[in-house]
Protein backbone atom coordinates (compact mmCIF):
# COMPACT_ATOMS: atom_id res chain seq x y z
CA MET A 1 21.52 25.41 16.24
CA LYS A 2 19.33 23.68 13.82
CA ALA A 3 17.67 20.23 14.70
CA ARG A 4 19.08 17.71 12.27
CA ARG A 5 16.48 16.27 9.99
CA ARG A 6 15.96 12.63 9.88
CA SER A 7 15.25 10.71 6.80
CA PHE A 8 14.75 7.25 5.57
CA SER A 9 17.31 5.15 3.63
CA ALA A 10 17.08 5.36 0.02
CA ALA A 11 16.98 1.46 0.23
CA THR A 12 14.03 1.41 2.33
CA LEU A 13 12.17 3.97 0.22
CA THR A 14 12.93 1.77 -2.84
CA ARG A 15 11.83 -1.31 -1.40
CA LEU A 16 8.51 0.35 -0.15
CA ARG A 17 8.01 1.84 -3.57
CA GLU A 18 8.42 -1.49 -5.52
CA LEU A 19 6.39 -3.50 -2.85
CA PRO A 20 3.42 -5.10 -5.02
CA ALA A 21 0.33 -3.31 -3.89
CA GLY A 22 -1.46 -6.63 -2.86
CA ASP A 23 1.40 -7.42 -0.50
CA ALA A 24 1.05 -3.95 0.77
CA LEU A 25 -2.74 -4.45 1.39
CA ALA A 26 -2.30 -7.49 3.59
CA LEU A 27 -0.11 -5.13 5.98
CA LEU A 28 -2.59 -2.38 5.85
CA THR A 29 -5.94 -3.79 6.32
CA THR A 30 -7.98 -5.32 8.79
CA GLN A 31 -9.73 -7.50 6.07
CA ALA A 32 -8.63 -7.88 2.24
CA ARG A 33 -10.58 -10.19 0.07
CA LEU A 34 -9.45 -10.96 -3.47
CA ASP A 35 -12.39 -10.77 -5.92
CA PRO A 36 -12.49 -14.07 -7.88
CA THR A 37 -15.17 -12.84 -10.34
CA TYR A 38 -12.95 -9.91 -11.57
CA VAL A 39 -11.77 -10.29 -15.16
CA PRO A 40 -8.86 -7.88 -16.14
CA ILE A 41 -9.32 -5.75 -19.13
CA LYS A 42 -5.81 -4.32 -19.72
CA ASP A 43 -3.23 -6.29 -17.90
CA ASP A 44 -3.90 -10.07 -16.99
CA HIS A 45 -1.78 -9.39 -13.67
CA SER A 46 -4.50 -7.11 -12.38
CA ARG A 47 -6.59 -7.93 -9.37
CA ARG A 48 -9.41 -6.37 -7.83
CA TRP A 49 -9.61 -6.33 -3.81
CA HIS A 50 -12.25 -5.38 -1.38
CA VAL A 51 -10.72 -4.13 1.64
CA CYS A 52 -11.49 -2.64 5.21
CA THR A 53 -9.36 -0.39 7.14
CA ALA A 54 -10.29 1.85 10.15
CA ARG A 55 -11.15 4.69 7.66
CA GLY A 56 -13.69 2.58 5.78
CA GLU A 57 -14.23 0.15 2.85
CA PHE A 58 -12.22 0.39 -0.41
CA GLU A 59 -12.37 -1.33 -3.77
CA ILE A 60 -8.65 -1.45 -5.01
CA LEU A 61 -7.40 -2.52 -8.40
CA THR A 62 -3.66 -3.68 -8.27
CA THR A 63 -1.04 -4.36 -10.85
CA GLY A 64 2.36 -4.86 -9.47
CA ALA A 65 3.30 -1.90 -7.28
CA LYS A 66 0.36 0.31 -8.89
CA TRP A 67 -3.07 0.76 -7.37
CA TYR A 68 -6.30 2.51 -8.36
CA ASP A 69 -9.42 2.97 -5.91
CA THR A 70 -12.33 2.60 -7.97
CA ARG A 71 -14.52 4.48 -5.69
CA ALA A 72 -12.41 7.45 -5.06
CA ARG A 73 -11.27 7.45 -8.78
CA LEU A 74 -7.75 7.95 -7.32
CA GLY A 75 -4.64 5.81 -7.93
CA GLY A 76 -0.86 5.88 -7.40
CA GLY A 77 2.15 3.60 -7.28
CA GLY A 78 3.89 2.15 -4.44
CA ALA A 79 2.94 1.12 -0.87
CA ILE A 80 3.69 4.43 0.61
CA ASP A 81 1.02 6.14 -1.58
CA LEU A 82 -1.31 3.43 -0.89
CA THR A 83 -0.75 3.59 2.87
CA MET A 84 -1.39 7.45 2.87
CA HIS A 85 -4.65 6.77 0.96
CA VAL A 86 -6.17 3.91 2.87
CA LEU A 87 -4.94 5.06 6.23
CA GLY A 88 -4.95 8.81 5.88
CA LEU A 89 -1.30 9.05 7.15
CA SER A 90 1.26 11.60 6.30
CA PHE A 91 4.35 10.44 4.22
CA VAL A 92 6.59 9.93 7.31
CA HIS A 93 4.00 8.14 9.32
CA ALA A 94 2.98 5.99 6.35
CA VAL A 95 6.92 4.83 5.99
CA LYS A 96 7.01 4.12 9.71
CA HIS A 97 3.74 2.13 9.70
CA LEU A 98 4.93 -0.04 6.79
CA THR A 99 8.37 -0.72 8.10
CA GLU A 100 6.77 -1.55 11.54
CA SER A 101 3.88 -3.80 10.12
CA ALA A 102 6.40 -5.61 7.94
CA GLY A 103 8.54 -6.27 10.90
CA GLN A 104 5.61 -7.63 12.75
CA HIS A 105 4.61 -9.88 10.05
CA GLY A 106 8.24 -11.33 9.44
CA ALA A 107 8.42 -9.86 6.02
CA ASP A 108 11.94 -9.80 4.12
CA HIS A 109 10.86 -6.22 3.18
CA PRO A 110 10.85 -3.24 4.00
């Protein structure tokens, strides 16, 4: 008999993928500081963050759910990818971390 594979609900994954990257950073980092000197070039809604996690320091640009690590020259979309990147987690562990962190912070989402 095969073990039943557990999966996350489509609604949970959609909420995490649509979560603004700036909001996700608040759940993931030990320190997240918005750079007030940053002047966006392409999109007025872009922000630059200086963040610290257990894995180190990052300079992350965010625009909605999209993010870009300027030092690693790597980007993606959605809180799951961001969590995998800044915390070094697998997909499953990233989803679990976000849902647990959001619950601890009283977030309406994930």
